[in-house]
């Protein structure tokens, strides 16, 4: 096995972990949506999104270009908002 193949296997393993973590986040988000639905709280919370984004950017330590990291998290927010909307349907 070449070094390239080993590195690709490592990426494949990491992809599986990323998907598992996103699924776990979606399940927690579903439960958050259910709680919001009980109290009439809006699905979208811009203040919470800004808080999460600031925390994520602080964890970055410059390893990823900030605009790309922000783009990934905006997509994660959208995914979670859709999950919460489905919970309310």
PDB file of N, CA and C in Angstrom:
ATOM      1  N   UNK A   1       0.847  -1.182   0.000  1.00  0.00           N
ATOM      2  CA  UNK A   1       0.000   0.000   0.000  1.00  0.00           C
ATOM      3  C   UNK A   1       0.894   1.248   0.000  1.00  0.00           C
ATOM      4  N   UNK A   2       0.557   2.180  -0.854  1.00  0.00           N
ATOM      5  CA  UNK A   2       1.354   3.401  -0.946  1.00  0.00           C
ATOM      6  C   UNK A   2       0.970   4.377   0.163  1.00  0.00           C
ATOM      7  N   UNK A   3       1.813   5.352   0.370  1.00  0.00           N
ATOM      8  CA  UNK A   3       1.530   6.385   1.353  1.00  0.00           C
ATOM      9  C   UNK A   3       0.236   7.118   0.991  1.00  0.00           C
ATOM     10  N   UNK A   4       0.032   7.388  -0.298  1.00  0.00           N
ATOM     11  CA  UNK A   4      -1.188   8.054  -0.752  1.00  0.00           C
ATOM     12  C   UNK A   4      -2.415   7.225  -0.374  1.00  0.00           C
ATOM     13  N   UNK A   5      -2.364   5.941  -0.593  1.00  0.00           N
ATOM     14  CA  UNK A   5      -3.497   5.069  -0.257  1.00  0.00           C
ATOM     15  C   UNK A   5      -3.762   5.063   1.251  1.00  0.00           C
ATOM     16  N   UNK A   6      -2.701   5.042   2.051  1.00  0.00           N
ATOM     17  CA  UNK A   6      -2.861   5.085   3.506  1.00  0.00           C
ATOM     18  C   UNK A   6      -3.517   6.404   3.943  1.00  0.00           C
ATOM     19  N   UNK A   7      -3.056   7.491   3.345  1.00  0.00           N
ATOM     20  CA  UNK A   7      -3.635   8.795   3.684  1.00  0.00           C
ATOM     21  C   UNK A   7      -5.103   8.862   3.277  1.00  0.00           C
ATOM     22  N   UNK A   8      -5.430   8.306   2.125  1.00  0.00           N
ATOM     23  CA  UNK A   8      -6.833   8.285   1.688  1.00  0.00           C
ATOM     24  C   UNK A   8      -7.688   7.427   2.614  1.00  0.00           C
ATOM     25  N   UNK A   9      -7.150   6.333   3.097  1.00  0.00           N
ATOM     26  CA  UNK A   9      -7.884   5.508   4.053  1.00  0.00           C
ATOM     27  C   UNK A   9      -8.147   6.289   5.340  1.00  0.00           C
ATOM     28  N   UNK A  10      -7.171   7.070   5.733  1.00  0.00           N
ATOM     29  CA  UNK A  10      -7.332   7.907   6.923  1.00  0.00           C
ATOM     30  C   UNK A  10      -8.444   8.925   6.715  1.00  0.00           C
ATOM     31  N   UNK A  11      -8.479   9.536   5.532  1.00  0.00           N
ATOM     32  CA  UNK A  11      -9.547  10.484   5.215  1.00  0.00           C
ATOM     33  C   UNK A  11     -10.898   9.775   5.215  1.00  0.00           C
ATOM     34  N   UNK A  12     -10.961   8.572   4.655  1.00  0.00           N
ATOM     35  CA  UNK A  12     -12.214   7.814   4.645  1.00  0.00           C
ATOM     36  C   UNK A  12     -12.704   7.550   6.068  1.00  0.00           C
ATOM     37  N   UNK A  13     -11.790   7.188   6.958  1.00  0.00           N
ATOM     38  CA  UNK A  13     -12.147   6.952   8.354  1.00  0.00           C
ATOM     39  C   UNK A  13     -12.677   8.234   8.995  1.00  0.00           C
ATOM     40  N   UNK A  14     -12.026   9.337   8.687  1.00  0.00           N
ATOM     41  CA  UNK A  14     -12.454  10.623   9.237  1.00  0.00           C
ATOM     42  C   UNK A  14     -13.812  11.027   8.679  1.00  0.00           C
ATOM     43  N   UNK A  15     -14.053  10.761   7.395  1.00  0.00           N
ATOM     44  CA  UNK A  15     -15.365  11.063   6.809  1.00  0.00           C
ATOM     45  C   UNK A  15     -16.471  10.326   7.546  1.00  0.00           C
ATOM     46  N   UNK A  16     -16.229   9.063   7.877  1.00  0.00           N
ATOM     47  CA  UNK A  16     -17.222   8.287   8.621  1.00  0.00           C
ATOM     48  C   UNK A  16     -17.492   8.927   9.977  1.00  0.00           C
ATOM     49  N   UNK A  17     -16.464   9.422  10.610  1.00  0.00           N
ATOM     50  CA  UNK A  17     -16.620  10.073  11.913  1.00  0.00           C
ATOM     51  C   UNK A  17     -17.373  11.395  11.779  1.00  0.00           C
ATOM     52  N   UNK A  18     -17.081  12.160  10.739  1.00  0.00           N
ATOM     53  CA  UNK A  18     -17.785  13.425  10.507  1.00  0.00           C
ATOM     54  C   UNK A  18     -19.275  13.158  10.312  1.00  0.00           C
ATOM     55  N   UNK A  19     -19.618  12.161   9.514  1.00  0.00           N
ATOM     56  CA  UNK A  19     -21.030  11.834   9.281  1.00  0.00           C
ATOM     57  C   UNK A  19     -21.693  11.403  10.588  1.00  0.00           C
ATOM     58  N   UNK A  20     -21.004  10.572  11.373  1.00  0.00           N
ATOM     59  CA  UNK A  20     -21.566  10.135  12.654  1.00  0.00           C
ATOM     60  C   UNK A  20     -21.825  11.336  13.567  1.00  0.00           C
ATOM     61  N   UNK A  21     -20.887  12.257  13.622  1.00  0.00           N
ATOM     62  CA  UNK A  21     -21.041  13.446  14.470  1.00  0.00           C
ATOM     63  C   UNK A  21     -22.174  14.335  13.954  1.00  0.00           C
ATOM     64  N   UNK A  22     -22.287  14.496  12.640  1.00  0.00           N
ATOM     65  CA  UNK A  22     -23.384  15.305  12.093  1.00  0.00           C
ATOM     66  C   UNK A  22     -24.736  14.666  12.393  1.00  0.00           C
ATOM     67  N   UNK A  23     -24.806  13.342  12.330  1.00  0.00           N
ATOM     68  CA  UNK A  23     -26.054  12.652  12.672  1.00  0.00           C
ATOM     69  C   UNK A  23     -26.401  12.865  14.143  1.00  0.00           C
ATOM     70  N   UNK A  24     -25.408  12.792  14.991  1.00  0.00           N
ATOM     71  CA  UNK A  24     -25.628  13.027  16.422  1.00  0.00           C
ATOM     72  C   UNK A  24     -26.076  14.463  16.668  1.00  0.00           C
ATOM     73  N   UNK A  25     -25.451  15.411  15.972  1.00  0.00           N
ATOM     74  CA  UNK A  25     -25.834  16.821  16.113  1.00  0.00           C
ATOM     75  C   UNK A  25     -27.264  17.023  15.638  1.00  0.00           C
ATOM     76  N   UNK A  26     -27.632  16.373  14.531  1.00  0.00           N
ATOM     77  CA  UNK A  26     -28.994  16.492  14.007  1.00  0.00           C
ATOM     78  C   UNK A  26     -30.014  15.943  15.004  1.00  0.00           C
ATOM     79  N   UNK A  27     -29.700  14.844  15.660  1.00  0.00           N
ATOM     80  CA  UNK A  27     -30.624  14.272  16.650  1.00  0.00           C
ATOM     81  C   UNK A  27     -30.798  15.213  17.841  1.00  0.00           C
ATOM     82  N   UNK A  28     -29.717  15.786  18.317  1.00  0.00           N
ATOM     83  CA  UNK A  28     -29.824  16.750  19.416  1.00  0.00           C
ATOM     84  C   UNK A  28     -30.623  17.963  18.962  1.00  0.00           C
ATOM     85  N   UNK A  29     -30.370  18.404  17.734  1.00  0.00           N
ATOM     86  CA  UNK A  29     -31.102  19.540  17.175  1.00  0.00           C
ATOM     87  C   UNK A  29     -32.594  19.233  17.066  1.00  0.00           C
ATOM     88  N   UNK A  30     -32.923  18.003  16.699  1.00  0.00           N
ATOM     89  CA  UNK A  30     -34.335  17.593  16.624  1.00  0.00           C
ATOM     90  C   UNK A  30     -34.984  17.762  17.988  1.00  0.00           C
ATOM     91  N   UNK A  31     -34.273  17.338  19.029  1.00  0.00           N
ATOM     92  CA  UNK A  31     -34.806  17.459  20.387  1.00  0.00           C
ATOM     93  C   UNK A  31     -34.922  18.924  20.807  1.00  0.00           C
ATOM     94  N   UNK A  32     -33.969  19.744  20.387  1.00  0.00           N
ATOM     95  CA  UNK A  32     -34.057  21.185  20.653  1.00  0.00           C
ATOM     96  C   UNK A  32     -35.295  21.753  19.970  1.00  0.00           C
ATOM     97  N   UNK A  33     -35.526  21.342  18.721  1.00  0.00           N
ATOM     98  CA  UNK A  33     -36.714  21.795  17.994  1.00  0.00           C
ATOM     99  C   UNK A  33     -37.995  21.423  18.712  1.00  0.00           C
ATOM    100  N   UNK A  34     -38.038  20.225  19.277  1.00  0.00           N
ATOM    101  CA  UNK A  34     -39.225  19.801  20.024  1.00  0.00           C
ATOM    102  C   UNK A  34     -39.438  20.697  21.241  1.00  0.00           C
ATOM    103  N   UNK A  35     -38.368  21.022  21.948  1.00  0.00           N
ATOM    104  CA  UNK A  35     -38.483  21.905  23.109  1.00  0.00           C
ATOM    105  C   UNK A  35     -38.928  23.306  22.692  1.00  0.00           C
ATOM    106  N   UNK A  36     -38.360  23.800  21.605  1.00  0.00           N
ATOM    107  CA  UNK A  36     -38.761  25.122  21.113  1.00  0.00           C
ATOM    108  C   UNK A  36     -40.241  25.124  20.742  1.00  0.00           C
ATOM    109  N   UNK A  37     -40.690  24.028  20.134  1.00  0.00           N
ATOM    110  CA  UNK A  37     -42.093  23.930  19.735  1.00  0.00           C
ATOM    111  C   UNK A  37     -43.036  23.989  20.927  1.00  0.00           C
ATOM    112  N   UNK A  38     -42.646  23.419  22.052  1.00  0.00           N
ATOM    113  CA  UNK A  38     -43.481  23.430  23.261  1.00  0.00           C
ATOM    114  C   UNK A  38     -43.678  24.836  23.806  1.00  0.00           C
ATOM    115  N   UNK A  39     -42.683  25.689  23.599  1.00  0.00           N
ATOM    116  CA  UNK A  39     -42.729  27.036  24.179  1.00  0.00           C
ATOM    117  C   UNK A  39     -42.966  28.131  23.150  1.00  0.00           C
ATOM    118  N   UNK A  40     -43.080  27.743  21.875  1.00  0.00           N
ATOM    119  CA  UNK A  40     -43.335  28.726  20.829  1.00  0.00           C
ATOM    120  C   UNK A  40     -42.111  29.540  20.431  1.00  0.00           C
ATOM    121  N   UNK A  41     -40.929  29.067  20.774  1.00  0.00           N
ATOM    122  CA  UNK A  41     -39.694  29.771  20.417  1.00  0.00           C
ATOM    123  C   UNK A  41     -39.424  29.566  18.925  1.00  0.00           C
ATOM    124  N   UNK A  42     -38.935  30.606  18.263  1.00  0.00           N
ATOM    125  CA  UNK A  42     -38.638  30.527  16.832  1.00  0.00           C
ATOM    126  C   UNK A  42     -37.550  29.502  16.562  1.00  0.00           C
ATOM    127  N   UNK A  43     -37.631  28.878  15.391  1.00  0.00           N
ATOM    128  CA  UNK A  43     -36.625  27.887  14.999  1.00  0.00           C
ATOM    129  C   UNK A  43     -35.270  28.556  14.846  1.00  0.00           C
ATOM    130  N   UNK A  44     -35.217  29.630  14.104  1.00  0.00           N
ATOM    131  CA  UNK A  44     -33.943  30.315  13.854  1.00  0.00           C
ATOM    132  C   UNK A  44     -33.628  31.265  14.999  1.00  0.00           C
ATOM    133  N   UNK A  45     -32.384  31.216  15.468  1.00  0.00           N
ATOM    134  CA  UNK A  45     -31.926  32.060  16.562  1.00  0.00           C
ATOM    135  C   UNK A  45     -30.593  32.697  16.160  1.00  0.00           C
ATOM    136  N   UNK A  46     -30.652  33.878  15.509  1.00  0.00           N
ATOM    137  CA  UNK A  46     -29.424  34.515  15.030  1.00  0.00           C
ATOM    138  C   UNK A  46     -28.388  34.772  16.124  1.00  0.00           C
ATOM    139  N   UNK A  47     -28.842  35.086  17.330  1.00  0.00           N
ATOM    140  CA  UNK A  47     -27.889  35.325  18.424  1.00  0.00           C
ATOM    141  C   UNK A  47     -27.140  34.032  18.750  1.00  0.00           C
ATOM    142  N   UNK A  48     -27.848  32.913  18.784  1.00  0.00           N
ATOM    143  CA  UNK A  48     -27.206  31.615  19.060  1.00  0.00           C
ATOM    144  C   UNK A  48     -26.248  31.253  17.937  1.00  0.00           C
ATOM    145  N   UNK A  49     -26.653  31.490  16.686  1.00  0.00           N
ATOM    146  CA  UNK A  49     -25.773  31.206  15.549  1.00  0.00           C
ATOM    147  C   UNK A  49     -24.487  32.018  15.650  1.00  0.00           C
ATOM    148  N   UNK A  50     -24.598  33.288  16.008  1.00  0.00           N
ATOM    149  CA  UNK A  50     -23.418  34.147  16.149  1.00  0.00           C
ATOM    150  C   UNK A  50     -22.523  33.647  17.279  1.00  0.00           C
ATOM    151  N   UNK A  51     -23.123  33.203  18.373  1.00  0.00           N
ATOM    152  CA  UNK A  51     -22.367  32.660  19.505  1.00  0.00           C
ATOM    153  C   UNK A  51     -21.586  31.412  19.091  1.00  0.00           C
ATOM    154  N   UNK A  52     -22.263  30.503  18.390  1.00  0.00           N
ATOM    155  CA  UNK A  52     -21.607  29.273  17.931  1.00  0.00           C
ATOM    156  C   UNK A  52     -20.476  29.616  16.960  1.00  0.00           C
ATOM    157  N   UNK A  53     -20.758  30.517  16.020  1.00  0.00           N
ATOM    158  CA  UNK A  53     -19.766  30.879  15.021  1.00  0.00           C
ATOM    159  C   UNK A  53     -18.521  31.483  15.673  1.00  0.00           C
ATOM    160  N   UNK A  54     -18.723  32.352  16.638  1.00  0.00           N
ATOM    161  CA  UNK A  54     -17.578  32.965  17.335  1.00  0.00           C
ATOM    162  C   UNK A  54     -16.760  31.904  18.057  1.00  0.00           C
ATOM    163  N   UNK A  55     -17.436  30.961  18.712  1.00  0.00           N
ATOM    164  CA  UNK A  55     -16.729  29.904  19.432  1.00  0.00           C
ATOM    165  C   UNK A  55     -15.941  29.016  18.473  1.00  0.00           C
ATOM    166  N   UNK A  56     -16.559  28.663  17.336  1.00  0.00           N
ATOM    167  CA  UNK A  56     -15.908  27.813  16.342  1.00  0.00           C
ATOM    168  C   UNK A  56     -14.682  28.520  15.758  1.00  0.00           C
ATOM    169  N   UNK A  57     -14.831  29.777  15.435  1.00  0.00           N
ATOM    170  CA  UNK A  57     -13.701  30.532  14.892  1.00  0.00           C
ATOM    171  C   UNK A  57     -12.560  30.607  15.896  1.00  0.00           C
ATOM    172  N   UNK A  58     -12.875  30.748  17.163  1.00  0.00           N
ATOM    173  CA  UNK A  58     -11.843  30.810  18.192  1.00  0.00           C
ATOM    174  C   UNK A  58     -11.097  29.483  18.312  1.00  0.00           C
ATOM    175  N   UNK A  59     -11.784  28.379  18.052  1.00  0.00           N
ATOM    176  CA  UNK A  59     -11.153  27.058  18.124  1.00  0.00           C
ATOM    177  C   UNK A  59     -10.277  26.771  16.911  1.00  0.00           C
ATOM    178  N   UNK A  60     -10.445  27.503  15.844  1.00  0.00           N
ATOM    179  CA  UNK A  60      -9.784  27.219  14.578  1.00  0.00           C
ATOM    180  C   UNK A  60      -8.270  27.299  14.651  1.00  0.00           C
ATOM    181  N   UNK A  61      -7.732  28.209  15.377  1.00  0.00           N
ATOM    182  CA  UNK A  61      -6.278  28.380  15.511  1.00  0.00           C
ATOM    183  C   UNK A  61      -5.588  28.573  14.161  1.00  0.00           C
ATOM    184  N   UNK A  62      -6.299  29.110  13.165  1.00  0.00           N
ATOM    185  CA  UNK A  62      -5.706  29.451  11.881  1.00  0.00           C
ATOM    186  C   UNK A  62      -5.402  28.303  10.951  1.00  0.00           C
ATOM    187  N   UNK A  63      -5.806  27.102  11.292  1.00  0.00           N
ATOM    188  CA  UNK A  63      -5.493  25.955  10.438  1.00  0.00           C
ATOM    189  C   UNK A  63      -6.380  25.896   9.195  1.00  0.00           C
ATOM    190  N   UNK A  64      -7.580  26.423   9.302  1.00  0.00           N
ATOM    191  CA  UNK A  64      -8.504  26.452   8.168  1.00  0.00           C
ATOM    192  C   UNK A  64      -8.778  27.901   7.807  1.00  0.00           C
ATOM    193  N   UNK A  65      -8.909  28.191   6.523  1.00  0.00           N
ATOM    194  CA  UNK A  65      -9.285  29.570   6.160  1.00  0.00           C
ATOM    195  C   UNK A  65     -10.643  29.901   6.786  1.00  0.00           C
ATOM    196  N   UNK A  66     -10.692  30.984   7.530  1.00  0.00           N
ATOM    197  CA  UNK A  66     -11.902  31.346   8.263  1.00  0.00           C
ATOM    198  C   UNK A  66     -13.154  31.415   7.389  1.00  0.00           C
ATOM    199  N   UNK A  67     -13.085  32.008   6.187  1.00  0.00           N
ATOM    200  CA  UNK A  67     -14.298  32.044   5.356  1.00  0.00           C
ATOM    201  C   UNK A  67     -14.820  30.645   5.006  1.00  0.00           C
ATOM    202  N   UNK A  68     -13.919  29.687   4.804  1.00  0.00           N
ATOM    203  CA  UNK A  68     -14.359  28.323   4.495  1.00  0.00           C
ATOM    204  C   UNK A  68     -14.979  27.659   5.716  1.00  0.00           C
ATOM    205  N   UNK A  69     -14.387  27.843   6.877  1.00  0.00           N
ATOM    206  CA  UNK A  69     -14.950  27.304   8.100  1.00  0.00           C
ATOM    207  C   UNK A  69     -16.333  27.893   8.355  1.00  0.00           C
ATOM    208  N   UNK A  70     -16.457  29.182   8.160  1.00  0.00           N
ATOM    209  CA  UNK A  70     -17.746  29.851   8.335  1.00  0.00           C
ATOM    210  C   UNK A  70     -18.777  29.290   7.354  1.00  0.00           C
ATOM    211  N   UNK A  71     -18.373  29.054   6.126  1.00  0.00           N
ATOM    212  CA  UNK A  71     -19.279  28.489   5.124  1.00  0.00           C
ATOM    213  C   UNK A  71     -19.768  27.101   5.536  1.00  0.00           C
ATOM    214  N   UNK A  72     -18.871  26.278   6.039  1.00  0.00           N
ATOM    215  CA  UNK A  72     -19.251  24.937   6.493  1.00  0.00           C
ATOM    216  C   UNK A  72     -20.271  25.045   7.623  1.00  0.00           C
ATOM    217  N   UNK A  73     -20.025  25.925   8.571  1.00  0.00           N
ATOM    218  CA  UNK A  73     -20.950  26.048   9.698  1.00  0.00           C
ATOM    219  C   UNK A  73     -22.280  26.662   9.298  1.00  0.00           C
ATOM    220  N   UNK A  74     -22.286  27.536   8.320  1.00  0.00           N
ATOM    221  CA  UNK A  74     -23.572  28.068   7.831  1.00  0.00           C
ATOM    222  C   UNK A  74     -24.417  26.925   7.258  1.00  0.00           C
ATOM    223  N   UNK A  75     -23.775  26.002   6.546  1.00  0.00           N
ATOM    224  CA  UNK A  75     -24.487  24.833   6.002  1.00  0.00           C
ATOM    225  C   UNK A  75     -24.975  23.925   7.138  1.00  0.00           C
ATOM    226  N   UNK A  76     -24.164  23.766   8.166  1.00  0.00           N
ATOM    227  CA  UNK A  76     -24.589  22.969   9.319  1.00  0.00           C
ATOM    228  C   UNK A  76     -25.799  23.625   9.985  1.00  0.00           C
ATOM    229  N   UNK A  77     -25.775  24.945  10.131  1.00  0.00           N
ATOM    230  CA  UNK A  77     -26.923  25.653  10.702  1.00  0.00           C
ATOM    231  C   UNK A  77     -28.171  25.383   9.864  1.00  0.00           C
ATOM    232  N   UNK A  78     -28.034  25.483   8.537  1.00  0.00           N
ATOM    233  CA  UNK A  78     -29.183  25.256   7.657  1.00  0.00           C
ATOM    234  C   UNK A  78     -29.719  23.835   7.824  1.00  0.00           C
ATOM    235  N   UNK A  79     -28.816  22.863   7.916  1.00  0.00           N
ATOM    236  CA  UNK A  79     -29.227  21.482   8.123  1.00  0.00           C
ATOM    237  C   UNK A  79     -30.031  21.368   9.417  1.00  0.00           C
ATOM    238  N   UNK A  80     -29.535  21.968  10.471  1.00  0.00           N
ATOM    239  CA  UNK A  80     -30.192  21.868  11.767  1.00  0.00           C
ATOM    240  C   UNK A  80     -31.531  22.595  11.786  1.00  0.00           C
ATOM    241  N   UNK A  81     -31.621  23.696  11.087  1.00  0.00           N
ATOM    242  CA  UNK A  81     -32.897  24.423  10.992  1.00  0.00           C
ATOM    243  C   UNK A  81     -33.919  23.558  10.273  1.00  0.00           C
ATOM    244  N   UNK A  82     -33.513  22.876   9.205  1.00  0.00           N
ATOM    245  CA  UNK A  82     -34.430  21.984   8.498  1.00  0.00           C
ATOM    246  C   UNK A  82     -34.900  20.852   9.401  1.00  0.00           C
ATOM    247  N   UNK A  83     -33.990  20.287  10.183  1.00  0.00           N
ATOM    248  CA  UNK A  83     -34.361  19.221  11.123  1.00  0.00           C
ATOM    249  C   UNK A  83     -35.381  19.738  12.130  1.00  0.00           C
ATOM    250  N   UNK A  84     -35.162  20.941  12.636  1.00  0.00           N
ATOM    251  CA  UNK A  84     -36.105  21.504  13.597  1.00  0.00           C
ATOM    252  C   UNK A  84     -37.459  21.780  12.953  1.00  0.00           C
ATOM    253  N   UNK A  85     -37.458  22.253  11.725  1.00  0.00           N
ATOM    254  CA  UNK A  85     -38.725  22.501  11.033  1.00  0.00           C
ATOM    255  C   UNK A  85     -39.478  21.190  10.826  1.00  0.00           C
ATOM    256  N   UNK A  86     -38.773  20.128  10.480  1.00  0.00           N
ATOM    257  CA  UNK A  86     -39.409  18.815  10.315  1.00  0.00           C
ATOM    258  C   UNK A  86     -40.005  18.340  11.636  1.00  0.00           C
ATOM    259  N   UNK A  87     -39.339  18.621  12.734  1.00  0.00           N
ATOM    260  CA  UNK A  87     -39.823  18.217  14.050  1.00  0.00           C
ATOM    261  C   UNK A  87     -41.158  18.886  14.362  1.00  0.00           C
ATOM    262  N   UNK A  88     -41.326  20.091  13.862  1.00  0.00           N
ATOM    263  CA  UNK A  88     -42.566  20.841  14.139  1.00  0.00           C
ATOM    264  C   UNK A  88     -43.697  20.466  13.203  1.00  0.00           C
ATOM    265  N   UNK A  89     -43.393  19.759  12.128  1.00  0.00           N
ATOM    266  CA  UNK A  89     -44.436  19.394  11.131  1.00  0.00           C
ATOM    267  C   UNK A  89     -45.327  18.304  11.650  1.00  0.00           C
TER     268      UNK A  89
END
